[in-house]
Amino acid sequence: MIGSTSGGGPTPEVPELAGRDFDRVVRDRSSPALVAFTADWCAPCAWLKPYVYAIMREAGPRVRVFTLDVDEAPGVAGRLGIGSVPTVVLFRGGAEIDRSVGVEPKRLQGWLDLLVAEAE
């Protein structure tokens, strides 16, 4: 369960996606992708990272999971209407299917449960 993050050490990193790679990696793929839009200066973004890592770990190859720094990729953030961080967007077939603004572990857990159930 993603709310059960382990304490006691730094969270391993979720792969960072460069803005120039966004369309190729997320929009032009049929597999589900979860992208956490963050910024280095954002404290809630740091709180979100363990949950995003847990999704990546639990979903395995079913879902491609990335972070994207809005300051490094303002064009992508603007195109998707990302108005605040953290924002987590779930894509399927390159299209946005849901969005979470802030730190919402229960909502993210629901996404994970749905994706795992669909893959079985």
N, C-alpha and C. Protein backbone atom coordinates (compact mmCIF):
# COMPACT_ATOMS: atom_id res chain seq x y z
N MET A 1 0.85 -1.18 0.00
CA MET A 1 0.00 0.00 0.00
C MET A 1 0.89 1.24 0.00
N ILE A 2 0.57 2.21 -0.83
CA ILE A 2 1.47 3.34 -0.97
C ILE A 2 1.50 4.24 0.25
N GLY A 3 0.50 4.21 1.09
CA GLY A 3 0.53 5.00 2.31
C GLY A 3 1.50 4.46 3.33
N SER A 4 1.97 3.23 3.12
CA SER A 4 2.89 2.57 4.04
C SER A 4 4.32 2.75 3.58
N THR A 5 4.76 3.99 3.50
CA THR A 5 6.14 4.24 3.09
C THR A 5 7.06 3.92 4.24
N SER A 6 8.22 3.38 3.92
CA SER A 6 9.17 3.02 4.97
C SER A 6 9.96 4.25 5.38
N GLY A 7 10.11 4.44 6.65
CA GLY A 7 10.88 5.57 7.15
C GLY A 7 12.32 5.16 7.36
N GLY A 8 13.12 6.11 7.83
CA GLY A 8 14.46 5.78 8.23
C GLY A 8 15.52 5.96 7.17
N GLY A 9 15.23 6.56 6.07
CA GLY A 9 16.27 6.77 5.08
C GLY A 9 15.74 7.51 3.89
N PRO A 10 16.64 7.92 3.02
CA PRO A 10 16.18 8.66 1.84
C PRO A 10 15.41 7.74 0.90
N THR A 11 14.45 8.33 0.21
CA THR A 11 13.68 7.58 -0.77
C THR A 11 14.49 7.48 -2.06
N PRO A 12 14.61 6.26 -2.61
CA PRO A 12 15.28 6.16 -3.91
C PRO A 12 14.57 7.04 -4.93
N GLU A 13 15.29 7.42 -5.93
CA GLU A 13 14.76 8.38 -6.90
C GLU A 13 13.87 7.74 -7.95
N VAL A 14 12.84 8.47 -8.30
CA VAL A 14 12.00 8.15 -9.45
C VAL A 14 12.69 8.79 -10.65
N PRO A 15 12.70 8.13 -11.80
CA PRO A 15 13.38 8.72 -12.96
C PRO A 15 12.83 10.11 -13.31
N GLU A 16 13.73 11.03 -13.58
CA GLU A 16 13.38 12.40 -13.98
C GLU A 16 13.22 12.42 -15.50
N LEU A 17 12.13 12.96 -15.96
CA LEU A 17 11.85 13.05 -17.39
C LEU A 17 12.17 14.46 -17.86
N ALA A 18 12.95 14.57 -18.91
CA ALA A 18 13.26 15.88 -19.50
C ALA A 18 12.09 16.32 -20.37
N GLY A 19 11.83 17.61 -20.40
CA GLY A 19 10.73 18.14 -21.20
C GLY A 19 10.83 17.75 -22.66
N ARG A 20 12.03 17.73 -23.21
CA ARG A 20 12.21 17.39 -24.63
C ARG A 20 11.81 15.94 -24.94
N ASP A 21 11.77 15.09 -23.90
CA ASP A 21 11.44 13.67 -24.09
C ASP A 21 9.98 13.36 -23.78
N PHE A 22 9.24 14.33 -23.28
CA PHE A 22 7.88 14.08 -22.79
C PHE A 22 6.98 13.43 -23.85
N ASP A 23 6.89 14.03 -25.02
CA ASP A 23 5.99 13.48 -26.04
C ASP A 23 6.40 12.07 -26.45
N ARG A 24 7.67 11.85 -26.64
CA ARG A 24 8.15 10.53 -27.07
C ARG A 24 7.91 9.47 -26.01
N VAL A 25 8.12 9.81 -24.75
CA VAL A 25 8.05 8.83 -23.68
C VAL A 25 6.63 8.65 -23.14
N VAL A 26 5.85 9.73 -23.10
CA VAL A 26 4.53 9.65 -22.47
C VAL A 26 3.41 9.74 -23.50
N ARG A 27 3.40 10.77 -24.32
CA ARG A 27 2.26 11.02 -25.22
C ARG A 27 2.19 10.06 -26.40
N ASP A 28 3.32 9.56 -26.85
CA ASP A 28 3.33 8.69 -28.02
C ASP A 28 3.41 7.21 -27.67
N ARG A 29 2.99 6.84 -26.48
CA ARG A 29 3.05 5.45 -26.03
C ARG A 29 1.66 4.97 -25.64
N SER A 30 1.42 3.69 -25.80
CA SER A 30 0.13 3.14 -25.41
C SER A 30 0.10 2.72 -23.95
N SER A 31 1.25 2.45 -23.35
CA SER A 31 1.26 2.00 -21.95
C SER A 31 0.93 3.15 -21.01
N PRO A 32 0.33 2.83 -19.85
CA PRO A 32 0.02 3.88 -18.88
C PRO A 32 1.30 4.54 -18.36
N ALA A 33 1.20 5.82 -18.07
CA ALA A 33 2.32 6.56 -17.49
C ALA A 33 1.77 7.49 -16.41
N LEU A 34 2.54 7.63 -15.37
CA LEU A 34 2.21 8.54 -14.28
C LEU A 34 3.36 9.54 -14.20
N VAL A 35 3.04 10.82 -14.27
CA VAL A 35 4.06 11.86 -14.22
C VAL A 35 3.74 12.79 -13.06
N ALA A 36 4.71 12.92 -12.16
CA ALA A 36 4.59 13.85 -11.04
C ALA A 36 5.31 15.13 -11.43
N PHE A 37 4.56 16.21 -11.58
CA PHE A 37 5.12 17.51 -11.92
C PHE A 37 5.52 18.18 -10.61
N THR A 38 6.81 18.48 -10.49
CA THR A 38 7.37 18.97 -9.24
C THR A 38 8.29 20.16 -9.49
N ALA A 39 8.88 20.66 -8.41
CA ALA A 39 9.90 21.70 -8.48
C ALA A 39 10.81 21.53 -7.27
N ASP A 40 12.07 21.87 -7.43
CA ASP A 40 13.03 21.72 -6.33
C ASP A 40 12.66 22.55 -5.10
N TRP A 41 12.04 23.70 -5.29
CA TRP A 41 11.73 24.60 -4.20
C TRP A 41 10.43 24.24 -3.46
N CYS A 42 9.73 23.21 -3.93
CA CYS A 42 8.39 22.86 -3.44
C CYS A 42 8.47 21.81 -2.32
N ALA A 43 8.16 22.23 -1.09
CA ALA A 43 8.17 21.30 0.04
C ALA A 43 7.15 20.16 -0.11
N PRO A 44 5.90 20.42 -0.51
CA PRO A 44 4.97 19.31 -0.69
C PRO A 44 5.43 18.31 -1.76
N CYS A 45 6.21 18.77 -2.73
CA CYS A 45 6.75 17.86 -3.74
C CYS A 45 7.67 16.83 -3.08
N ALA A 46 8.45 17.28 -2.11
CA ALA A 46 9.32 16.35 -1.38
C ALA A 46 8.49 15.35 -0.59
N TRP A 47 7.36 15.79 -0.02
CA TRP A 47 6.49 14.88 0.72
C TRP A 47 5.87 13.84 -0.21
N LEU A 48 5.63 14.23 -1.45
CA LEU A 48 4.99 13.34 -2.43
C LEU A 48 5.93 12.24 -2.93
N LYS A 49 7.22 12.52 -2.97
CA LYS A 49 8.17 11.59 -3.60
C LYS A 49 8.10 10.15 -3.08
N PRO A 50 7.99 9.91 -1.77
CA PRO A 50 7.90 8.51 -1.34
C PRO A 50 6.67 7.78 -1.89
N TYR A 51 5.57 8.49 -2.05
CA TYR A 51 4.36 7.87 -2.59
C TYR A 51 4.54 7.54 -4.08
N VAL A 52 5.15 8.45 -4.80
CA VAL A 52 5.39 8.20 -6.23
C VAL A 52 6.36 7.04 -6.40
N TYR A 53 7.38 6.99 -5.55
CA TYR A 53 8.32 5.87 -5.60
C TYR A 53 7.60 4.55 -5.30
N ALA A 54 6.71 4.56 -4.30
CA ALA A 54 5.97 3.34 -3.95
C ALA A 54 5.10 2.88 -5.10
N ILE A 55 4.49 3.81 -5.82
CA ILE A 55 3.70 3.43 -7.00
C ILE A 55 4.61 2.77 -8.04
N MET A 56 5.77 3.37 -8.28
CA MET A 56 6.69 2.81 -9.25
C MET A 56 7.09 1.39 -8.85
N ARG A 57 7.38 1.21 -7.58
CA ARG A 57 7.80 -0.10 -7.07
C ARG A 57 6.66 -1.12 -7.17
N GLU A 58 5.47 -0.73 -6.77
CA GLU A 58 4.34 -1.67 -6.73
C GLU A 58 3.77 -1.96 -8.11
N ALA A 59 3.77 -0.99 -9.00
CA ALA A 59 3.21 -1.19 -10.34
C ALA A 59 4.16 -1.97 -11.24
N GLY A 60 5.44 -1.88 -10.94
CA GLY A 60 6.43 -2.57 -11.77
C GLY A 60 6.32 -2.10 -13.21
N PRO A 61 6.43 -3.02 -14.16
CA PRO A 61 6.42 -2.62 -15.57
C PRO A 61 5.03 -2.23 -16.11
N ARG A 62 3.99 -2.36 -15.30
CA ARG A 62 2.64 -2.03 -15.77
C ARG A 62 2.46 -0.54 -16.06
N VAL A 63 3.19 0.30 -15.29
CA VAL A 63 3.04 1.75 -15.39
C VAL A 63 4.42 2.38 -15.42
N ARG A 64 4.63 3.26 -16.37
CA ARG A 64 5.88 4.02 -16.42
C ARG A 64 5.71 5.24 -15.52
N VAL A 65 6.63 5.43 -14.58
CA VAL A 65 6.51 6.48 -13.57
C VAL A 65 7.71 7.42 -13.68
N PHE A 66 7.42 8.72 -13.69
CA PHE A 66 8.45 9.74 -13.83
C PHE A 66 8.12 10.96 -12.98
N THR A 67 9.14 11.77 -12.73
CA THR A 67 8.92 13.13 -12.26
C THR A 67 9.36 14.06 -13.38
N LEU A 68 8.79 15.26 -13.38
CA LEU A 68 9.17 16.27 -14.36
C LEU A 68 9.21 17.60 -13.63
N ASP A 69 10.36 18.26 -13.66
CA ASP A 69 10.54 19.54 -12.99
C ASP A 69 9.94 20.65 -13.86
N VAL A 70 8.93 21.33 -13.33
CA VAL A 70 8.24 22.36 -14.12
C VAL A 70 9.15 23.54 -14.45
N ASP A 71 10.16 23.78 -13.62
CA ASP A 71 11.09 24.87 -13.92
C ASP A 71 12.02 24.51 -15.07
N GLU A 72 12.27 23.23 -15.25
CA GLU A 72 13.12 22.75 -16.35
C GLU A 72 12.33 22.53 -17.63
N ALA A 73 11.03 22.39 -17.52
CA ALA A 73 10.17 22.11 -18.68
C ALA A 73 8.91 22.96 -18.63
N PRO A 74 9.04 24.30 -18.64
CA PRO A 74 7.85 25.15 -18.53
C PRO A 74 6.90 25.00 -19.72
N GLY A 75 7.41 24.65 -20.88
CA GLY A 75 6.55 24.48 -22.05
C GLY A 75 5.59 23.31 -21.88
N VAL A 76 6.10 22.19 -21.38
CA VAL A 76 5.25 21.02 -21.14
C VAL A 76 4.23 21.35 -20.06
N ALA A 77 4.69 21.96 -18.97
CA ALA A 77 3.77 22.31 -17.88
C ALA A 77 2.68 23.26 -18.37
N GLY A 78 3.05 24.25 -19.16
CA GLY A 78 2.07 25.19 -19.69
C GLY A 78 1.08 24.53 -20.63
N ARG A 79 1.58 23.68 -21.49
CA ARG A 79 0.72 22.98 -22.47
C ARG A 79 -0.32 22.11 -21.77
N LEU A 80 0.06 21.54 -20.61
CA LEU A 80 -0.86 20.66 -19.88
C LEU A 80 -1.67 21.41 -18.83
N GLY A 81 -1.45 22.71 -18.69
CA GLY A 81 -2.20 23.49 -17.72
C GLY A 81 -1.83 23.18 -16.28
N ILE A 82 -0.57 22.85 -16.04
CA ILE A 82 -0.12 22.59 -14.68
C ILE A 82 0.02 23.95 -13.99
N GLY A 83 -0.88 24.25 -13.07
CA GLY A 83 -0.91 25.55 -12.43
C GLY A 83 -0.28 25.57 -11.06
N SER A 84 -0.10 24.40 -10.45
CA SER A 84 0.53 24.33 -9.14
C SER A 84 1.24 22.99 -9.01
N VAL A 85 2.19 22.96 -8.10
CA VAL A 85 2.92 21.73 -7.86
C VAL A 85 2.80 21.37 -6.38
N PRO A 86 2.77 20.09 -6.08
CA PRO A 86 2.86 18.99 -7.01
C PRO A 86 1.52 18.72 -7.69
N THR A 87 1.62 18.30 -8.92
CA THR A 87 0.48 17.79 -9.67
C THR A 87 0.91 16.46 -10.26
N VAL A 88 0.09 15.45 -10.10
CA VAL A 88 0.37 14.12 -10.65
C VAL A 88 -0.68 13.85 -11.71
N VAL A 89 -0.21 13.47 -12.90
CA VAL A 89 -1.13 13.21 -14.01
C VAL A 89 -0.95 11.77 -14.46
N LEU A 90 -2.07 11.09 -14.63
CA LEU A 90 -2.08 9.73 -15.13
C LEU A 90 -2.48 9.76 -16.59
N PHE A 91 -1.66 9.14 -17.42
CA PHE A 91 -1.89 9.07 -18.86
C PHE A 91 -2.13 7.63 -19.27
N ARG A 92 -3.00 7.45 -20.24
CA ARG A 92 -3.19 6.14 -20.86
C ARG A 92 -3.33 6.39 -22.35
N GLY A 93 -2.56 5.67 -23.13
CA GLY A 93 -2.60 5.86 -24.57
C GLY A 93 -2.22 7.27 -24.97
N GLY A 94 -1.38 7.91 -24.16
CA GLY A 94 -0.94 9.26 -24.45
C GLY A 94 -1.90 10.35 -24.03
N ALA A 95 -3.08 9.98 -23.56
CA ALA A 95 -4.09 10.97 -23.17
C ALA A 95 -4.20 11.04 -21.65
N GLU A 96 -4.42 12.24 -21.14
CA GLU A 96 -4.63 12.39 -19.71
C GLU A 96 -5.96 11.76 -19.33
N ILE A 97 -5.93 10.90 -18.28
CA ILE A 97 -7.18 10.30 -17.83
C ILE A 97 -7.56 10.76 -16.42
N ASP A 98 -6.59 11.26 -15.65
CA ASP A 98 -6.92 11.79 -14.34
C ASP A 98 -5.77 12.65 -13.84
N ARG A 99 -6.07 13.47 -12.85
CA ARG A 99 -5.10 14.43 -12.33
C ARG A 99 -5.32 14.58 -10.82
N SER A 100 -4.22 14.67 -10.08
CA SER A 100 -4.24 14.90 -8.65
C SER A 100 -3.38 16.12 -8.36
N VAL A 101 -3.93 17.08 -7.63
CA VAL A 101 -3.19 18.28 -7.27
C VAL A 101 -2.94 18.25 -5.77
N GLY A 102 -1.69 18.41 -5.39
CA GLY A 102 -1.32 18.32 -3.99
C GLY A 102 -0.83 16.92 -3.66
N VAL A 103 -0.88 16.58 -2.39
CA VAL A 103 -0.42 15.27 -1.93
C VAL A 103 -1.67 14.48 -1.53
N GLU A 104 -2.08 13.55 -2.40
CA GLU A 104 -3.30 12.77 -2.20
C GLU A 104 -2.99 11.27 -2.28
N PRO A 105 -2.40 10.68 -1.24
CA PRO A 105 -2.01 9.28 -1.31
C PRO A 105 -3.16 8.31 -1.56
N LYS A 106 -4.34 8.58 -0.98
CA LYS A 106 -5.47 7.67 -1.19
C LYS A 106 -5.92 7.67 -2.65
N ARG A 107 -5.91 8.82 -3.27
CA ARG A 107 -6.28 8.91 -4.68
C ARG A 107 -5.27 8.16 -5.54
N LEU A 108 -3.99 8.35 -5.26
CA LEU A 108 -2.95 7.65 -6.01
C LEU A 108 -3.05 6.14 -5.80
N GLN A 109 -3.38 5.71 -4.60
CA GLN A 109 -3.57 4.28 -4.34
C GLN A 109 -4.72 3.74 -5.19
N GLY A 110 -5.78 4.50 -5.33
CA GLY A 110 -6.90 4.08 -6.17
C GLY A 110 -6.48 3.91 -7.62
N TRP A 111 -5.66 4.82 -8.12
CA TRP A 111 -5.14 4.69 -9.49
C TRP A 111 -4.33 3.41 -9.62
N LEU A 112 -3.45 3.16 -8.64
CA LEU A 112 -2.60 1.97 -8.68
C LEU A 112 -3.46 0.71 -8.67
N ASP A 113 -4.44 0.66 -7.78
CA ASP A 113 -5.32 -0.52 -7.70
C ASP A 113 -6.02 -0.76 -9.03
N LEU A 114 -6.51 0.29 -9.66
CA LEU A 114 -7.19 0.16 -10.95
C LEU A 114 -6.24 -0.36 -12.02
N LEU A 115 -5.06 0.20 -12.10
CA LEU A 115 -4.11 -0.21 -13.13
C LEU A 115 -3.65 -1.65 -12.94
N VAL A 116 -3.42 -2.04 -11.71
CA VAL A 116 -2.99 -3.42 -11.44
C VAL A 116 -4.12 -4.38 -11.80
N ALA A 117 -5.36 -4.04 -11.42
CA ALA A 117 -6.50 -4.90 -11.74
C ALA A 117 -6.69 -5.04 -13.25
N GLU A 118 -6.50 -3.96 -13.99
CA GLU A 118 -6.64 -4.01 -15.44
C GLU A 118 -5.57 -4.87 -16.09
N ALA A 119 -4.39 -4.93 -15.48
CA ALA A 119 -3.27 -5.68 -16.06
C ALA A 119 -3.38 -7.18 -15.79
N GLU A 120 -4.22 -7.56 -14.83
CA GLU A 120 -4.34 -8.99 -14.47
C GLU A 120 -5.28 -9.73 -15.36
